[in-house]
Amino acid sequence: MGSPSARLKTRESLRPWVESGLEFVLRTEVECQDISTGEQSEYQAEPSGVSPVVSSSPAHPQEMPAQAASMPQAAPKQSLPVLPDPWSGFLRFAKSPAPKVIMTYMELGLDLGGQPDSRRSSALKNIQMHLKWPAGTMNFWPVAALLGGTLQPSTEMFWRGWEQWRAPNIVCFGEEALKVVLPDADPKLTTFMLEHVTVYKLQPLVRLITMLPHEQQMSVDELFKIRL
């Protein structure tokens, strides 16, 4: 069979190991690759592209995005941005310090800005009762704010708010809200898996408030696949 030295074909620096009886050396090569689109940086006002990370075995492959959606680069937690008014005031409505889900809809800026609608409130309470999520699971955060008497959507402000908690799931009621959160999103899809978060698109509240309570509940059954 030949000597251990011949079989190992080792370098001279390994000879003491060979002479002590070592016959085989397992060589393992590990290659580490950064899967992100770039290094983390401080928050930038303009959103930058982020490639979606799609599960290898999704439950609904037809709902996976066909192209990258856009979201800002996440800023380090230790450098949270200061929010301007009226956005800074919305933080007092966020009850959970570590939510798993952020819910939003276009009219949320009205509800938090002093123009609530009891029909929207009733529909949301019915949905939360149906989901039976534990306390602290969810926060509401708007995609638009009342400025000058009108709702002004802001992708930047939504994501700066998201940075306060970095919740792994975002629920958008309606395509209008989705287009603020992800301006490049394909409206035909309902689930978007990004690098740091999964975004779900549901029916708009303006439609949900016209449904019967059990129909409202059925419309959000997609959310039961969220792992809390």
Protein backbone atom coordinates (compact mmCIF):
# COMPACT_ATOMS: atom_id res chain seq x y z
CA MET A 1 0.00 0.00 0.00
CA GLY A 2 2.98 2.27 0.46
CA SER A 3 4.02 4.43 3.36
CA PRO A 4 1.78 7.07 5.01
CA SER A 5 4.09 9.71 3.62
CA ALA A 6 3.51 8.51 0.08
CA ARG A 7 -0.25 8.30 0.48
CA LEU A 8 -0.60 11.76 2.03
CA LYS A 9 1.85 13.47 -0.30
CA THR A 10 2.13 15.99 2.48
CA ARG A 11 4.23 19.07 2.82
CA GLU A 12 7.35 18.91 4.98
CA SER A 13 5.53 20.94 7.67
CA LEU A 14 3.09 18.04 8.19
CA ARG A 15 5.77 15.32 8.48
CA PRO A 16 5.64 15.15 12.31
CA TRP A 17 1.95 14.25 12.04
CA VAL A 18 2.68 11.57 9.46
CA GLU A 19 5.43 10.02 11.54
CA SER A 20 3.04 9.88 14.53
CA GLY A 21 0.58 7.74 12.56
CA LEU A 22 -1.70 10.21 10.65
CA GLU A 23 -2.65 8.72 7.28
CA PHE A 24 -5.42 10.89 5.88
CA VAL A 25 -6.19 14.63 5.97
CA LEU A 26 -9.69 15.95 5.23
CA ARG A 27 -9.56 19.28 3.48
CA THR A 28 -12.68 21.41 3.64
CA GLU A 29 -13.12 24.58 1.67
CA VAL A 30 -15.76 27.06 2.74
CA GLU A 31 -16.78 29.96 0.60
CA CYS A 32 -18.76 32.75 2.22
CA GLN A 33 -20.74 35.09 0.01
CA ASP A 34 -22.65 38.20 0.98
CA ILE A 35 -26.17 37.63 -0.37
CA SER A 36 -27.16 41.23 0.12
CA THR A 37 -27.01 43.77 -2.64
CA GLY A 38 -24.43 45.82 -0.74
CA GLU A 39 -23.12 46.73 2.67
CA GLN A 40 -25.51 48.26 5.16
CA SER A 41 -25.36 52.01 5.18
CA GLU A 42 -27.00 54.85 7.03
CA TYR A 43 -30.58 55.50 5.93
CA GLN A 44 -30.88 57.29 2.62
CA ALA A 45 -33.85 59.40 1.66
CA GLU A 46 -34.19 57.74 -1.75
CA PRO A 47 -35.08 53.98 -1.70
CA SER A 48 -32.51 51.63 -3.20
CA GLY A 49 -33.19 48.29 -4.88
CA VAL A 50 -33.11 45.07 -2.88
CA SER A 51 -33.34 41.66 -4.50
CA PRO A 52 -36.07 39.41 -3.10
CA VAL A 53 -35.06 36.21 -1.34
CA VAL A 54 -37.59 33.57 -2.39
CA SER A 55 -38.18 30.39 -0.42
CA SER A 56 -37.00 27.22 -2.16
CA SER A 57 -40.33 25.54 -1.45
CA PRO A 58 -43.02 28.24 -1.17
CA ALA A 59 -46.55 27.25 -0.31
CA HIS A 60 -47.88 29.34 -3.21
CA PRO A 61 -45.22 29.53 -5.94
CA GLN A 62 -47.53 31.50 -8.22
CA GLU A 63 -47.55 34.34 -5.71
CA MET A 64 -43.80 34.87 -5.61
CA PRO A 65 -42.63 38.15 -7.20
CA ALA A 66 -41.14 37.82 -10.66
CA GLN A 67 -38.88 40.81 -10.20
CA ALA A 68 -37.14 42.74 -7.49
CA ALA A 69 -39.22 45.12 -5.44
CA SER A 70 -37.83 48.32 -3.99
CA MET A 71 -37.24 49.18 -0.37
CA PRO A 72 -34.64 51.34 1.36
CA GLN A 73 -31.47 49.90 2.76
CA ALA A 74 -32.09 49.15 6.43
CA ALA A 75 -30.21 51.43 8.79
CA PRO A 76 -28.48 50.00 11.88
CA LYS A 77 -30.76 49.82 14.90
CA GLN A 78 -28.49 52.02 16.96
CA SER A 79 -29.03 54.96 14.60
CA LEU A 80 -32.82 55.22 14.37
CA PRO A 81 -33.94 58.19 12.27
CA VAL A 82 -35.82 61.08 13.84
CA LEU A 83 -39.28 61.36 12.31
CA PRO A 84 -40.79 64.73 11.40
CA ASP A 85 -44.32 65.80 12.32
CA PRO A 86 -46.94 64.46 11.96
CA TRP A 87 -45.18 61.07 11.57
CA SER A 88 -43.45 61.29 14.94
CA GLY A 89 -46.86 61.61 16.58
CA PHE A 90 -48.01 58.31 15.07
CA LEU A 91 -45.53 56.45 17.25
CA ARG A 92 -47.73 56.91 20.30
CA PHE A 93 -50.31 54.62 18.69
CA ALA A 94 -47.75 51.80 18.33
CA LYS A 95 -48.33 49.68 21.43
CA SER A 96 -45.80 46.89 20.86
CA PRO A 97 -42.03 47.46 21.24
CA ALA A 98 -41.26 44.35 19.17
CA PRO A 99 -44.11 43.55 16.76
CA LYS A 100 -44.01 40.62 14.37
CA VAL A 101 -46.46 42.28 11.99
CA ILE A 102 -46.95 45.84 10.74
CA MET A 103 -50.43 46.53 9.32
CA THR A 104 -51.16 49.48 7.07
CA TYR A 105 -53.81 50.88 4.76
CA MET A 106 -54.21 54.11 2.87
CA GLU A 107 -56.85 55.57 5.22
CA LEU A 108 -54.79 54.88 8.35
CA GLY A 109 -53.36 58.40 8.11
CA LEU A 110 -56.91 59.68 8.49
CA ASP A 111 -57.71 57.41 11.43
CA LEU A 112 -54.55 58.45 13.28
CA GLY A 113 -54.82 62.07 12.16
CA GLY A 114 -58.13 62.85 13.82
CA GLN A 115 -60.58 61.70 11.14
CA PRO A 116 -61.49 58.14 12.18
CA ASP A 117 -64.20 56.02 10.59
CA SER A 118 -66.17 53.63 12.81
CA ARG A 119 -66.72 51.22 9.90
CA ARG A 120 -62.98 50.75 9.41
CA SER A 121 -62.48 50.37 13.15
CA SER A 122 -65.22 47.75 13.35
CA ALA A 123 -63.82 45.74 10.42
CA LEU A 124 -60.30 45.76 11.91
CA LYS A 125 -61.54 44.66 15.33
CA ASN A 126 -63.43 41.79 13.69
CA ILE A 127 -60.31 40.75 11.76
CA GLN A 128 -58.10 40.86 14.87
CA MET A 129 -60.63 38.79 16.79
CA HIS A 130 -60.55 36.21 13.98
CA LEU A 131 -56.74 36.03 13.86
CA LYS A 132 -56.45 35.64 17.65
CA TRP A 133 -52.85 36.85 17.64
CA PRO A 134 -51.21 37.27 21.07
CA ALA A 135 -50.99 40.75 22.54
CA GLY A 136 -47.96 42.63 21.24
CA THR A 137 -47.94 40.84 17.89
CA MET A 138 -48.89 43.83 15.76
CA ASN A 139 -48.48 47.56 15.27
CA PHE A 140 -50.25 49.87 12.85
CA TRP A 141 -48.11 52.25 10.82
CA PRO A 142 -49.41 54.54 8.04
CA VAL A 143 -48.31 54.90 4.43
CA ALA A 144 -49.71 58.45 4.21
CA ALA A 145 -50.18 61.43 6.52
CA LEU A 146 -52.56 64.38 6.56
CA LEU A 147 -50.61 67.38 5.31
CA GLY A 148 -52.38 70.54 4.26
CA GLY A 149 -55.74 68.82 4.64
CA THR A 150 -54.97 65.97 2.23
CA LEU A 151 -53.38 62.55 2.54
CA GLN A 152 -49.78 62.63 1.34
CA PRO A 153 -48.29 59.13 0.69
CA SER A 154 -44.62 58.64 1.51
CA THR A 155 -42.59 55.51 0.83
CA GLU A 156 -39.67 57.06 2.71
CA MET A 157 -41.66 57.78 5.87
CA PHE A 158 -43.23 54.33 5.90
CA TRP A 159 -39.84 52.60 5.82
CA ARG A 160 -38.34 54.99 8.35
CA GLY A 161 -41.15 53.97 10.65
CA TRP A 162 -40.55 50.30 9.90
CA GLU A 163 -36.95 50.76 11.04
CA GLN A 164 -38.22 51.44 14.56
CA TRP A 165 -39.18 47.76 14.91
CA ARG A 166 -37.99 45.90 11.77
CA ALA A 167 -41.01 43.64 11.89
CA PRO A 168 -40.56 40.59 9.62
CA ASN A 169 -44.08 40.87 8.17
CA ILE A 170 -46.03 43.75 6.60
CA VAL A 171 -49.74 43.53 5.77
CA CYS A 172 -51.11 46.02 3.22
CA PHE A 173 -54.86 46.40 2.83
CA GLY A 174 -55.31 47.32 -0.80
CA GLU A 175 -53.15 47.86 -3.87
CA GLU A 176 -52.93 51.59 -3.21
CA ALA A 177 -51.15 51.00 0.10
CA LEU A 178 -48.95 48.30 -1.45
CA LYS A 179 -47.74 50.71 -4.15
CA VAL A 180 -46.55 53.09 -1.43
CA VAL A 181 -44.73 50.36 0.48
CA LEU A 182 -43.29 48.73 -2.68
CA PRO A 183 -43.52 51.12 -5.64
CA ASP A 184 -42.21 48.48 -8.08
CA ALA A 185 -44.51 45.68 -6.89
CA ASP A 186 -46.50 43.68 -9.41
CA PRO A 187 -50.16 44.35 -8.45
CA LYS A 188 -51.20 40.90 -9.71
CA LEU A 189 -49.22 39.25 -6.90
CA THR A 190 -50.25 39.03 -3.26
CA THR A 191 -47.04 37.91 -1.50
CA PHE A 192 -43.62 39.55 -1.78
CA MET A 193 -40.58 38.05 -0.05
CA LEU A 194 -37.77 40.54 0.37
CA GLU A 195 -34.45 40.17 2.14
CA HIS A 196 -35.67 41.41 5.52
CA VAL A 197 -39.45 41.21 5.36
CA THR A 198 -42.44 39.49 3.75
CA VAL A 199 -45.19 41.76 2.42
CA TYR A 200 -48.80 40.57 2.05
CA LYS A 201 -51.45 42.33 -0.02
CA LEU A 202 -55.08 41.93 1.07
CA GLN A 203 -58.32 43.49 -0.09
CA PRO A 204 -58.73 47.23 0.61
CA LEU A 205 -60.64 48.30 3.69
CA VAL A 206 -63.04 50.31 1.53
CA ARG A 207 -64.24 46.95 0.23
CA LEU A 208 -64.00 45.04 3.51
CA ILE A 209 -66.36 47.44 5.27
CA THR A 210 -69.11 46.44 2.78
CA MET A 211 -68.77 42.73 3.64
CA LEU A 212 -70.50 40.66 6.28
CA PRO A 213 -68.35 39.90 9.37
CA HIS A 214 -67.66 36.29 8.34
CA GLU A 215 -66.66 37.46 4.86
CA GLN A 216 -64.21 39.93 6.37
CA GLN A 217 -62.67 37.12 8.38
CA MET A 218 -62.36 34.81 5.39
CA SER A 219 -60.61 37.55 3.40
CA VAL A 220 -57.60 37.50 5.75
CA ASP A 221 -57.16 33.72 6.12
CA GLU A 222 -53.92 34.10 4.12
CA LEU A 223 -52.38 35.59 7.25
CA PHE A 224 -52.65 32.36 9.19
CA LYS A 225 -49.50 31.14 7.45
CA ILE A 226 -47.46 33.82 9.26
CA ARG A 227 -45.26 32.21 11.90
CA LEU A 228 -45.25 34.27 15.05
